[in-house]
Amino acid sequence: MTVYNEGVNPDEKVKVELVVNDRAEAMIFHNKPFNAQLSWLEFDLDSRNLNFVMNDGDIRNFGIPVHPELTKYMDNAFQVLMVLTDDETGEPQEGDYYPLIIHRA
């Protein structure tokens, strides 16, 4: 079983899609590169917010709360595969694993 959640920034047409399977393997697909180097991700179980923590200390929000169905799988995840996709075709271009920190507010 795979459940996904997606968010879009209408100003920049950035699409971000979170996919988590029942083995707690989390992946985020995004169609634009980040302006700063990503260091890790943080997920708050209470607010269901997913944040991207950048190398420069900046914190970027996923944009929408994570779907409740995903929360139970996110609780067991420890890393996220970040996959940059081609803007036109949607095909994966590159990917790398980043640590995921789970906490409660």
PDB file of N, CA and C in Angstrom:
ATOM      1  N   MET A   1       0.837  -1.179   0.000  1.00  0.00           N
ATOM      2  CA  MET A   1       0.000   0.000   0.000  1.00  0.00           C
ATOM      3  C   MET A   1       0.882   1.242   0.000  1.00  0.00           C
ATOM      4  N   THR A   2       0.566   2.174  -0.845  1.00  0.00           N
ATOM      5  CA  THR A   2       1.283   3.437  -0.913  1.00  0.00           C
ATOM      6  C   THR A   2       0.271   4.565  -0.867  1.00  0.00           C
ATOM      7  N   VAL A   3       0.523   5.533  -0.006  1.00  0.00           N
ATOM      8  CA  VAL A   3      -0.343   6.696   0.119  1.00  0.00           C
ATOM      9  C   VAL A   3       0.509   7.912  -0.187  1.00  0.00           C
ATOM     10  N   TYR A   4      -0.082   8.913  -0.816  1.00  0.00           N
ATOM     11  CA  TYR A   4       0.721  10.090  -1.102  1.00  0.00           C
ATOM     12  C   TYR A   4      -0.021  11.370  -0.762  1.00  0.00           C
ATOM     13  N   ASN A   5       0.746  12.428  -0.700  1.00  0.00           N
ATOM     14  CA  ASN A   5       0.275  13.752  -0.314  1.00  0.00           C
ATOM     15  C   ASN A   5       1.010  14.709  -1.236  1.00  0.00           C
ATOM     16  N   GLU A   6       0.356  15.715  -1.758  1.00  0.00           N
ATOM     17  CA  GLU A   6       1.101  16.637  -2.599  1.00  0.00           C
ATOM     18  C   GLU A   6       0.769  18.083  -2.297  1.00  0.00           C
ATOM     19  N   GLY A   7       1.721  18.937  -2.578  1.00  0.00           N
ATOM     20  CA  GLY A   7       1.551  20.367  -2.386  1.00  0.00           C
ATOM     21  C   GLY A   7       2.113  21.106  -3.585  1.00  0.00           C
ATOM     22  N   VAL A   8       1.578  22.281  -3.851  1.00  0.00           N
ATOM     23  CA  VAL A   8       2.031  23.065  -4.987  1.00  0.00           C
ATOM     24  C   VAL A   8       2.177  24.512  -4.556  1.00  0.00           C
ATOM     25  N   ASN A   9       3.282  25.132  -4.929  1.00  0.00           N
ATOM     26  CA  ASN A   9       3.460  26.562  -4.731  1.00  0.00           C
ATOM     27  C   ASN A   9       3.021  27.226  -6.033  1.00  0.00           C
ATOM     28  N   PRO A  10       1.840  27.884  -6.052  1.00  0.00           N
ATOM     29  CA  PRO A  10       1.321  28.433  -7.308  1.00  0.00           C
ATOM     30  C   PRO A  10       2.203  29.523  -7.913  1.00  0.00           C
ATOM     31  N   ASP A  11       2.982  30.225  -7.090  1.00  0.00           N
ATOM     32  CA  ASP A  11       3.835  31.294  -7.601  1.00  0.00           C
ATOM     33  C   ASP A  11       5.000  30.755  -8.420  1.00  0.00           C
ATOM     34  N   GLU A  12       5.562  29.648  -8.003  1.00  0.00           N
ATOM     35  CA  GLU A  12       6.737  29.111  -8.683  1.00  0.00           C
ATOM     36  C   GLU A  12       6.449  27.801  -9.402  1.00  0.00           C
ATOM     37  N   LYS A  13       5.222  27.334  -9.335  1.00  0.00           N
ATOM     38  CA  LYS A  13       4.830  26.070  -9.955  1.00  0.00           C
ATOM     39  C   LYS A  13       5.726  24.915  -9.513  1.00  0.00           C
ATOM     40  N   VAL A  14       6.047  24.911  -8.222  1.00  0.00           N
ATOM     41  CA  VAL A  14       6.837  23.834  -7.640  1.00  0.00           C
ATOM     42  C   VAL A  14       5.873  22.778  -7.129  1.00  0.00           C
ATOM     43  N   LYS A  15       6.059  21.566  -7.600  1.00  0.00           N
ATOM     44  CA  LYS A  15       5.223  20.465  -7.152  1.00  0.00           C
ATOM     45  C   LYS A  15       6.050  19.589  -6.221  1.00  0.00           C
ATOM     46  N   VAL A  16       5.492  19.286  -5.047  1.00  0.00           N
ATOM     47  CA  VAL A  16       6.158  18.440  -4.064  1.00  0.00           C
ATOM     48  C   VAL A  16       5.182  17.340  -3.692  1.00  0.00           C
ATOM     49  N   GLU A  17       5.621  16.098  -3.824  1.00  0.00           N
ATOM     50  CA  GLU A  17       4.752  14.957  -3.554  1.00  0.00           C
ATOM     51  C   GLU A  17       5.438  14.027  -2.558  1.00  0.00           C
ATOM     52  N   LEU A  18       4.741  13.728  -1.469  1.00  0.00           N
ATOM     53  CA  LEU A  18       5.240  12.809  -0.446  1.00  0.00           C
ATOM     54  C   LEU A  18       4.579  11.458  -0.648  1.00  0.00           C
ATOM     55  N   VAL A  19       5.389  10.417  -0.694  1.00  0.00           N
ATOM     56  CA  VAL A  19       4.895   9.049  -0.841  1.00  0.00           C
ATOM     57  C   VAL A  19       5.494   8.220   0.287  1.00  0.00           C
ATOM     58  N   VAL A  20       4.654   7.458   0.984  1.00  0.00           N
ATOM     59  CA  VAL A  20       5.124   6.576   2.054  1.00  0.00           C
ATOM     60  C   VAL A  20       4.415   5.240   1.892  1.00  0.00           C
ATOM     61  N   ASN A  21       5.183   4.153   1.938  1.00  0.00           N
ATOM     62  CA  ASN A  21       4.541   2.843   1.841  1.00  0.00           C
ATOM     63  C   ASN A  21       4.404   2.217   3.225  1.00  0.00           C
ATOM     64  N   ASP A  22       3.805   1.041   3.281  1.00  0.00           N
ATOM     65  CA  ASP A  22       3.540   0.395   4.570  1.00  0.00           C
ATOM     66  C   ASP A  22       4.801  -0.172   5.220  1.00  0.00           C
ATOM     67  N   ARG A  23       5.954  -0.061   4.548  1.00  0.00           N
ATOM     68  CA  ARG A  23       7.241  -0.441   5.146  1.00  0.00           C
ATOM     69  C   ARG A  23       7.972   0.792   5.680  1.00  0.00           C
ATOM     70  N   ALA A  24       7.263   1.913   5.784  1.00  0.00           N
ATOM     71  CA  ALA A  24       7.795   3.189   6.298  1.00  0.00           C
ATOM     72  C   ALA A  24       8.935   3.720   5.435  1.00  0.00           C
ATOM     73  N   GLU A  25       8.893   3.436   4.137  1.00  0.00           N
ATOM     74  CA  GLU A  25       9.859   3.993   3.198  1.00  0.00           C
ATOM     75  C   GLU A  25       9.248   5.267   2.627  1.00  0.00           C
ATOM     76  N   ALA A  26       9.866   6.399   2.955  1.00  0.00           N
ATOM     77  CA  ALA A  26       9.334   7.701   2.547  1.00  0.00           C
ATOM     78  C   ALA A  26      10.142   8.267   1.387  1.00  0.00           C
ATOM     79  N   MET A  27       9.421   8.840   0.419  1.00  0.00           N
ATOM     80  CA  MET A  27      10.046   9.484  -0.731  1.00  0.00           C
ATOM     81  C   MET A  27       9.350  10.808  -0.982  1.00  0.00           C
ATOM     82  N   ILE A  28      10.118  11.795  -1.375  1.00  0.00           N
ATOM     83  CA  ILE A  28       9.552  13.078  -1.773  1.00  0.00           C
ATOM     84  C   ILE A  28      10.032  13.364  -3.184  1.00  0.00           C
ATOM     85  N   PHE A  29       9.070  13.581  -4.074  1.00  0.00           N
ATOM     86  CA  PHE A  29       9.365  13.938  -5.453  1.00  0.00           C
ATOM     87  C   PHE A  29       9.135  15.439  -5.601  1.00  0.00           C
ATOM     88  N   HIS A  30      10.097  16.138  -6.205  1.00  0.00           N
ATOM     89  CA  HIS A  30       9.956  17.583  -6.419  1.00  0.00           C
ATOM     90  C   HIS A  30      10.499  17.927  -7.799  1.00  0.00           C
ATOM     91  N   ASN A  31       9.864  18.900  -8.454  1.00  0.00           N
ATOM     92  CA  ASN A  31      10.220  19.202  -9.835  1.00  0.00           C
ATOM     93  C   ASN A  31      11.158  20.396  -9.997  1.00  0.00           C
ATOM     94  N   LYS A  32      11.564  21.016  -8.894  1.00  0.00           N
ATOM     95  CA  LYS A  32      12.515  22.134  -8.947  1.00  0.00           C
ATOM     96  C   LYS A  32      13.592  21.902  -7.892  1.00  0.00           C
ATOM     97  N   PRO A  33      14.847  22.239  -8.202  1.00  0.00           N
ATOM     98  CA  PRO A  33      15.893  22.103  -7.180  1.00  0.00           C
ATOM     99  C   PRO A  33      15.702  23.144  -6.082  1.00  0.00           C
ATOM    100  N   PHE A  34      16.217  22.843  -4.897  1.00  0.00           N
ATOM    101  CA  PHE A  34      16.149  23.788  -3.786  1.00  0.00           C
ATOM    102  C   PHE A  34      17.206  24.874  -3.979  1.00  0.00           C
ATOM    103  N   ASN A  35      16.940  26.057  -3.430  1.00  0.00           N
ATOM    104  CA  ASN A  35      17.895  27.171  -3.520  1.00  0.00           C
ATOM    105  C   ASN A  35      19.082  26.980  -2.585  1.00  0.00           C
ATOM    106  N   ALA A  36      18.908  26.188  -1.539  1.00  0.00           N
ATOM    107  CA  ALA A  36      19.976  25.905  -0.572  1.00  0.00           C
ATOM    108  C   ALA A  36      20.072  24.394  -0.398  1.00  0.00           C
ATOM    109  N   GLN A  37      21.196  23.934   0.121  1.00  0.00           N
ATOM    110  CA  GLN A  37      21.415  22.503   0.350  1.00  0.00           C
ATOM    111  C   GLN A  37      20.541  22.006   1.498  1.00  0.00           C
ATOM    112  N   LEU A  38      19.813  20.944   1.270  1.00  0.00           N
ATOM    113  CA  LEU A  38      18.988  20.319   2.304  1.00  0.00           C
ATOM    114  C   LEU A  38      19.887  19.556   3.273  1.00  0.00           C
ATOM    115  N   SER A  39      19.618  19.681   4.586  1.00  0.00           N
ATOM    116  CA  SER A  39      20.394  18.949   5.596  1.00  0.00           C
ATOM    117  C   SER A  39      19.611  17.771   6.147  1.00  0.00           C
ATOM    118  N   TRP A  40      18.355  18.007   6.564  1.00  0.00           N
ATOM    119  CA  TRP A  40      17.508  16.947   7.082  1.00  0.00           C
ATOM    120  C   TRP A  40      16.061  17.397   7.022  1.00  0.00           C
ATOM    121  N   LEU A  41      15.147  16.486   7.374  1.00  0.00           N
ATOM    122  CA  LEU A  41      13.720  16.794   7.435  1.00  0.00           C
ATOM    123  C   LEU A  41      13.223  16.530   8.840  1.00  0.00           C
ATOM    124  N   GLU A  42      12.208  17.281   9.254  1.00  0.00           N
ATOM    125  CA  GLU A  42      11.585  17.093  10.566  1.00  0.00           C
ATOM    126  C   GLU A  42      10.085  16.934  10.375  1.00  0.00           C
ATOM    127  N   PHE A  43       9.526  15.964  11.099  1.00  0.00           N
ATOM    128  CA  PHE A  43       8.087  15.720  11.027  1.00  0.00           C
ATOM    129  C   PHE A  43       7.499  15.787  12.425  1.00  0.00           C
ATOM    130  N   ASP A  44       6.504  16.670  12.610  1.00  0.00           N
ATOM    131  CA  ASP A  44       5.812  16.830  13.887  1.00  0.00           C
ATOM    132  C   ASP A  44       4.546  15.979  13.847  1.00  0.00           C
ATOM    133  N   LEU A  45       4.488  14.964  14.695  1.00  0.00           N
ATOM    134  CA  LEU A  45       3.349  14.050  14.713  1.00  0.00           C
ATOM    135  C   LEU A  45       2.046  14.727  15.132  1.00  0.00           C
ATOM    136  N   ASP A  46       2.126  15.742  15.993  1.00  0.00           N
ATOM    137  CA  ASP A  46       0.911  16.413  16.463  1.00  0.00           C
ATOM    138  C   ASP A  46       0.307  17.325  15.397  1.00  0.00           C
ATOM    139  N   SER A  47       1.124  18.164  14.801  1.00  0.00           N
ATOM    140  CA  SER A  47       0.615  19.108  13.798  1.00  0.00           C
ATOM    141  C   SER A  47       0.592  18.500  12.396  1.00  0.00           C
ATOM    142  N   ARG A  48       1.268  17.364  12.219  1.00  0.00           N
ATOM    143  CA  ARG A  48       1.414  16.686  10.934  1.00  0.00           C
ATOM    144  C   ARG A  48       2.130  17.564   9.908  1.00  0.00           C
ATOM    145  N   ASN A  49       3.006  18.453  10.400  1.00  0.00           N
ATOM    146  CA  ASN A  49       3.788  19.308   9.508  1.00  0.00           C
ATOM    147  C   ASN A  49       5.137  18.673   9.214  1.00  0.00           C
ATOM    148  N   LEU A  50       5.536  18.754   7.964  1.00  0.00           N
ATOM    149  CA  LEU A  50       6.834  18.270   7.519  1.00  0.00           C
ATOM    150  C   LEU A  50       7.668  19.483   7.133  1.00  0.00           C
ATOM    151  N   ASN A  51       8.842  19.617   7.730  1.00  0.00           N
ATOM    152  CA  ASN A  51       9.718  20.752   7.458  1.00  0.00           C
ATOM    153  C   ASN A  51      11.027  20.293   6.845  1.00  0.00           C
ATOM    154  N   PHE A  52      11.530  21.102   5.932  1.00  0.00           N
ATOM    155  CA  PHE A  52      12.822  20.884   5.301  1.00  0.00           C
ATOM    156  C   PHE A  52      13.816  21.804   5.998  1.00  0.00           C
ATOM    157  N   VAL A  53      14.861  21.267   6.587  1.00  0.00           N
ATOM    158  CA  VAL A  53      15.875  22.079   7.266  1.00  0.00           C
ATOM    159  C   VAL A  53      17.081  22.170   6.338  1.00  0.00           C
ATOM    160  N   MET A  54      17.406  23.406   5.970  1.00  0.00           N
ATOM    161  CA  MET A  54      18.461  23.636   5.001  1.00  0.00           C
ATOM    162  C   MET A  54      19.813  23.837   5.696  1.00  0.00           C
ATOM    163  N   ASN A  55      20.880  23.741   4.919  1.00  0.00           N
ATOM    164  CA  ASN A  55      22.244  23.895   5.421  1.00  0.00           C
ATOM    165  C   ASN A  55      22.484  25.242   6.093  1.00  0.00           C
ATOM    166  N   ASP A  56      21.812  26.280   5.603  1.00  0.00           N
ATOM    167  CA  ASP A  56      22.000  27.624   6.151  1.00  0.00           C
ATOM    168  C   ASP A  56      21.132  27.887   7.378  1.00  0.00           C
ATOM    169  N   GLY A  57      20.419  26.851   7.858  1.00  0.00           N
ATOM    170  CA  GLY A  57      19.580  26.986   9.047  1.00  0.00           C
ATOM    171  C   GLY A  57      18.148  27.367   8.742  1.00  0.00           C
ATOM    172  N   ASP A  58      17.864  27.719   7.494  1.00  0.00           N
ATOM    173  CA  ASP A  58      16.509  28.075   7.094  1.00  0.00           C
ATOM    174  C   ASP A  58      15.617  26.836   7.166  1.00  0.00           C
ATOM    175  N   ILE A  59      14.382  27.025   7.612  1.00  0.00           N
ATOM    176  CA  ILE A  59      13.420  25.924   7.690  1.00  0.00           C
ATOM    177  C   ILE A  59      12.303  26.210   6.704  1.00  0.00           C
ATOM    178  N   ARG A  60      12.039  25.256   5.835  1.00  0.00           N
ATOM    179  CA  ARG A  60      10.980  25.415   4.838  1.00  0.00           C
ATOM    180  C   ARG A  60       9.903  24.382   5.109  1.00  0.00           C
ATOM    181  N   ASN A  61       8.673  24.835   5.077  1.00  0.00           N
ATOM    182  CA  ASN A  61       7.538  23.965   5.349  1.00  0.00           C
ATOM    183  C   ASN A  61       7.113  23.255   4.071  1.00  0.00           C
ATOM    184  N   PHE A  62       6.653  22.022   4.226  1.00  0.00           N
ATOM    185  CA  PHE A  62       6.145  21.218   3.117  1.00  0.00           C
ATOM    186  C   PHE A  62       4.981  21.929   2.439  1.00  0.00           C
ATOM    187  N   GLY A  63       4.261  22.754   3.175  1.00  0.00           N
ATOM    188  CA  GLY A  63       3.200  23.551   2.583  1.00  0.00           C
ATOM    189  C   GLY A  63       1.798  23.149   2.991  1.00  0.00           C
ATOM    190  N   ILE A  64       1.595  21.884   3.265  1.00  0.00           N
ATOM    191  CA  ILE A  64       0.289  21.409   3.703  1.00  0.00           C
ATOM    192  C   ILE A  64       0.502  20.329   4.753  1.00  0.00           C
ATOM    193  N   PRO A  65      -0.476  20.135   5.644  1.00  0.00           N
ATOM    194  CA  PRO A  65      -0.327  19.051   6.621  1.00  0.00           C
ATOM    195  C   PRO A  65      -0.276  17.696   5.908  1.00  0.00           C
ATOM    196  N   VAL A  66       0.508  16.804   6.447  1.00  0.00           N
ATOM    197  CA  VAL A  66       0.600  15.453   5.900  1.00  0.00           C
ATOM    198  C   VAL A  66      -0.710  14.724   6.171  1.00  0.00           C
ATOM    199  N   HIS A  67      -1.192  14.017   5.192  1.00  0.00           N
ATOM    200  CA  HIS A  67      -2.450  13.266   5.290  1.00  0.00           C
ATOM    201  C   HIS A  67      -2.393  12.322   6.492  1.00  0.00           C
ATOM    202  N   PRO A  68      -3.474  12.237   7.291  1.00  0.00           N
ATOM    203  CA  PRO A  68      -3.467  11.378   8.488  1.00  0.00           C
ATOM    204  C   PRO A  68      -3.103   9.919   8.200  1.00  0.00           C
ATOM    205  N   GLU A  69      -3.477   9.420   7.039  1.00  0.00           N
ATOM    206  CA  GLU A  69      -3.159   8.031   6.680  1.00  0.00           C
ATOM    207  C   GLU A  69      -1.641   7.818   6.584  1.00  0.00           C
ATOM    208  N   LEU A  70      -0.914   8.872   6.184  1.00  0.00           N
ATOM    209  CA  LEU A  70       0.542   8.771   6.077  1.00  0.00           C
ATOM    210  C   LEU A  70       1.232   8.842   7.429  1.00  0.00           C
ATOM    211  N   THR A  71       0.600   9.527   8.382  1.00  0.00           N
ATOM    212  CA  THR A  71       1.228   9.766   9.682  1.00  0.00           C
ATOM    213  C   THR A  71       1.639   8.473  10.371  1.00  0.00           C
ATOM    214  N   LYS A  72       0.804   7.451  10.306  1.00  0.00           N
ATOM    215  CA  LYS A  72       1.137   6.196  10.988  1.00  0.00           C
ATOM    216  C   LYS A  72       2.367   5.523  10.382  1.00  0.00           C
ATOM    217  N   TYR A  73       2.617   5.747   9.101  1.00  0.00           N
ATOM    218  CA  TYR A  73       3.806   5.181   8.470  1.00  0.00           C
ATOM    219  C   TYR A  73       5.027   6.073   8.697  1.00  0.00           C
ATOM    220  N   MET A  74       4.805   7.385   8.716  1.00  0.00           N
ATOM    221  CA  MET A  74       5.908   8.323   8.951  1.00  0.00           C
ATOM    222  C   MET A  74       6.518   8.114  10.331  1.00  0.00           C
ATOM    223  N   ASP A  75       5.710   7.679  11.277  1.00  0.00           N
ATOM    224  CA  ASP A  75       6.172   7.462  12.651  1.00  0.00           C
ATOM    225  C   ASP A  75       7.334   6.469  12.707  1.00  0.00           C
ATOM    226  N   ASN A  76       7.421   5.566  11.746  1.00  0.00           N
ATOM    227  CA  ASN A  76       8.471   4.546  11.737  1.00  0.00           C
ATOM    228  C   ASN A  76       9.591   4.822  10.733  1.00  0.00           C
ATOM    229  N   ALA A  77       9.474   5.892   9.984  1.00  0.00           N
ATOM    230  CA  ALA A  77      10.507   6.222   8.992  1.00  0.00           C
ATOM    231  C   ALA A  77      11.688   6.905   9.678  1.00  0.00           C
ATOM    232  N   PHE A  78      12.876   6.718   9.141  1.00  0.00           N
ATOM    233  CA  PHE A  78      14.060   7.365   9.709  1.00  0.00           C
ATOM    234  C   PHE A  78      14.846   8.134   8.652  1.00  0.00           C
ATOM    235  N   GLN A  79      14.461   7.997   7.403  1.00  0.00           N
ATOM    236  CA  GLN A  79      15.107   8.728   6.325  1.00  0.00           C
ATOM    237  C   GLN A  79      14.093   8.945   5.196  1.00  0.00           C
ATOM    238  N   VAL A  80      14.413   9.896   4.330  1.00  0.00           N
ATOM    239  CA  VAL A  80      13.541  10.207   3.200  1.00  0.00           C
ATOM    240  C   VAL A  80      14.399  10.246   1.938  1.00  0.00           C
ATOM    241  N   LEU A  81      13.936   9.583   0.901  1.00  0.00           N
ATOM    242  CA  LEU A  81      14.597   9.664  -0.397  1.00  0.00           C
ATOM    243  C   LEU A  81      14.019  10.872  -1.128  1.00  0.00           C
ATOM    244  N   MET A  82      14.866  11.877  -1.360  1.00  0.00           N
ATOM    245  CA  MET A  82      14.456  13.085  -2.082  1.00  0.00           C
ATOM    246  C   MET A  82      14.785  12.875  -3.554  1.00  0.00           C
ATOM    247  N   VAL A  83      13.773  12.981  -4.420  1.00  0.00           N
ATOM    248  CA  VAL A  83      13.960  12.714  -5.841  1.00  0.00           C
ATOM    249  C   VAL A  83      13.586  13.952  -6.652  1.00  0.00           C
ATOM    250  N   LEU A  84      14.556  14.485  -7.383  1.00  0.00           N
ATOM    251  CA  LEU A  84      14.305  15.595  -8.297  1.00  0.00           C
ATOM    252  C   LEU A  84      13.806  15.005  -9.605  1.00  0.00           C
ATOM    253  N   THR A  85      12.663  15.500 -10.079  1.00  0.00           N
ATOM    254  CA  THR A  85      12.084  14.989 -11.315  1.00  0.00           C
ATOM    255  C   THR A  85      12.189  16.029 -12.424  1.00  0.00           C
ATOM    256  N   ASP A  86      12.173  15.560 -13.659  1.00  0.00           N
ATOM    257  CA  ASP A  86      12.173  16.443 -14.813  1.00  0.00           C
ATOM    258  C   ASP A  86      10.854  17.207 -14.839  1.00  0.00           C
ATOM    259  N   ASP A  87      10.929  18.509 -15.020  1.00  0.00           N
ATOM    260  CA  ASP A  87       9.746  19.367 -14.975  1.00  0.00           C
ATOM    261  C   ASP A  87       8.742  19.024 -16.070  1.00  0.00           C
ATOM    262  N   GLU A  88       9.214  18.596 -17.228  1.00  0.00           N
ATOM    263  CA  GLU A  88       8.318  18.312 -18.347  1.00  0.00           C
ATOM    264  C   GLU A  88       7.811  16.879 -18.363  1.00  0.00           C
ATOM    265  N   THR A  89       8.707  15.919 -18.144  1.00  0.00           N
ATOM    266  CA  THR A  89       8.321  14.511 -18.271  1.00  0.00           C
ATOM    267  C   THR A  89       7.919  13.868 -16.950  1.00  0.00           C
ATOM    268  N   GLY A  90       8.379  14.439 -15.832  1.00  0.00           N
ATOM    269  CA  GLY A  90       8.107  13.834 -14.531  1.00  0.00           C
ATOM    270  C   GLY A  90       9.033  12.677 -14.207  1.00  0.00           C
ATOM    271  N   GLU A  91       9.964  12.373 -15.106  1.00  0.00           N
ATOM    272  CA  GLU A  91      10.904  11.271 -14.890  1.00  0.00           C
ATOM    273  C   GLU A  91      11.945  11.662 -13.838  1.00  0.00           C
ATOM    274  N   PRO A  92      12.355  10.702 -12.992  1.00  0.00           N
ATOM    275  CA  PRO A  92      13.388  10.988 -11.985  1.00  0.00           C
ATOM    276  C   PRO A  92      14.709  11.372 -12.643  1.00  0.00           C
ATOM    277  N   GLN A  93      15.371  12.410 -12.086  1.00  0.00           N
ATOM    278  CA  GLN A  93      16.675  12.838 -12.587  1.00  0.00           C
ATOM    279  C   GLN A  93      17.788  12.437 -11.627  1.00  0.00           C
ATOM    280  N   GLU A  94      17.554  12.665 -10.333  1.00  0.00           N
ATOM    281  CA  GLU A  94      18.549  12.311  -9.320  1.00  0.00           C
ATOM    282  C   GLU A  94      17.852  12.197  -7.977  1.00  0.00           C
ATOM    283  N   GLY A  95      18.506  11.500  -7.052  1.00  0.00           N
ATOM    284  CA  GLY A  95      17.924  11.338  -5.725  1.00  0.00           C
ATOM    285  C   GLY A  95      18.980  11.046  -4.688  1.00  0.00           C
ATOM    286  N   ASP A  96      18.642  11.348  -3.435  1.00  0.00           N
ATOM    287  CA  ASP A  96      19.558  11.094  -2.337  1.00  0.00           C
ATOM    288  C   ASP A  96      18.750  10.958  -1.053  1.00  0.00           C
ATOM    289  N   TYR A  97      19.306  10.230  -0.087  1.00  0.00           N
ATOM    290  CA  TYR A  97      18.644  10.030   1.201  1.00  0.00           C
ATOM    291  C   TYR A  97      19.035  11.121   2.184  1.00  0.00           C
ATOM    292  N   TYR A  98      18.046  11.553   2.984  1.00  0.00           N
ATOM    293  CA  TYR A  98      18.271  12.550   4.034  1.00  0.00           C
ATOM    294  C   TYR A  98      17.636  12.057   5.324  1.00  0.00           C
ATOM    295  N   PRO A  99      18.258  12.379   6.468  1.00  0.00           N
ATOM    296  CA  PRO A  99      17.706  11.950   7.759  1.00  0.00           C
ATOM    297  C   PRO A  99      16.340  12.587   8.019  1.00  0.00           C
ATOM    298  N   LEU A 100      15.501  11.836   8.715  1.00  0.00           N
ATOM    299  CA  LEU A 100      14.180  12.319   9.123  1.00  0.00           C
ATOM    300  C   LEU A 100      14.104  12.269  10.640  1.00  0.00           C
ATOM    301  N   ILE A 101      13.802  13.404  11.245  1.00  0.00           N
ATOM    302  CA  ILE A 101      13.636  13.491  12.695  1.00  0.00           C
ATOM    303  C   ILE A 101      12.144  13.585  12.989  1.00  0.00           C
ATOM    304  N   ILE A 102      11.653  12.666  13.820  1.00  0.00           N
ATOM    305  CA  ILE A 102      10.239  12.633  14.203  1.00  0.00           C
ATOM    306  C   ILE A 102      10.116  13.183  15.616  1.00  0.00           C
ATOM    307  N   HIS A 103       9.147  14.065  15.843  1.00  0.00           N
ATOM    308  CA  HIS A 103       8.944  14.598  17.197  1.00  0.00           C
ATOM    309  C   HIS A 103       7.490  15.013  17.387  1.00  0.00           C
ATOM    310  N   ARG A 104       7.168  15.356  18.614  1.00  0.00           N
ATOM    311  CA  ARG A 104       5.858  15.911  18.960  1.00  0.00           C
ATOM    312  C   ARG A 104       6.080  17.321  19.478  1.00  0.00           C
ATOM    313  N   ALA A 105       5.149  18.213  19.152  1.00  0.00           N
ATOM    314  CA  ALA A 105       5.283  19.636  19.533  1.00  0.00           C
ATOM    315  C   ALA A 105       5.394  19.833  21.023  1.00  0.00           C
TER     316      ALA A 105
END
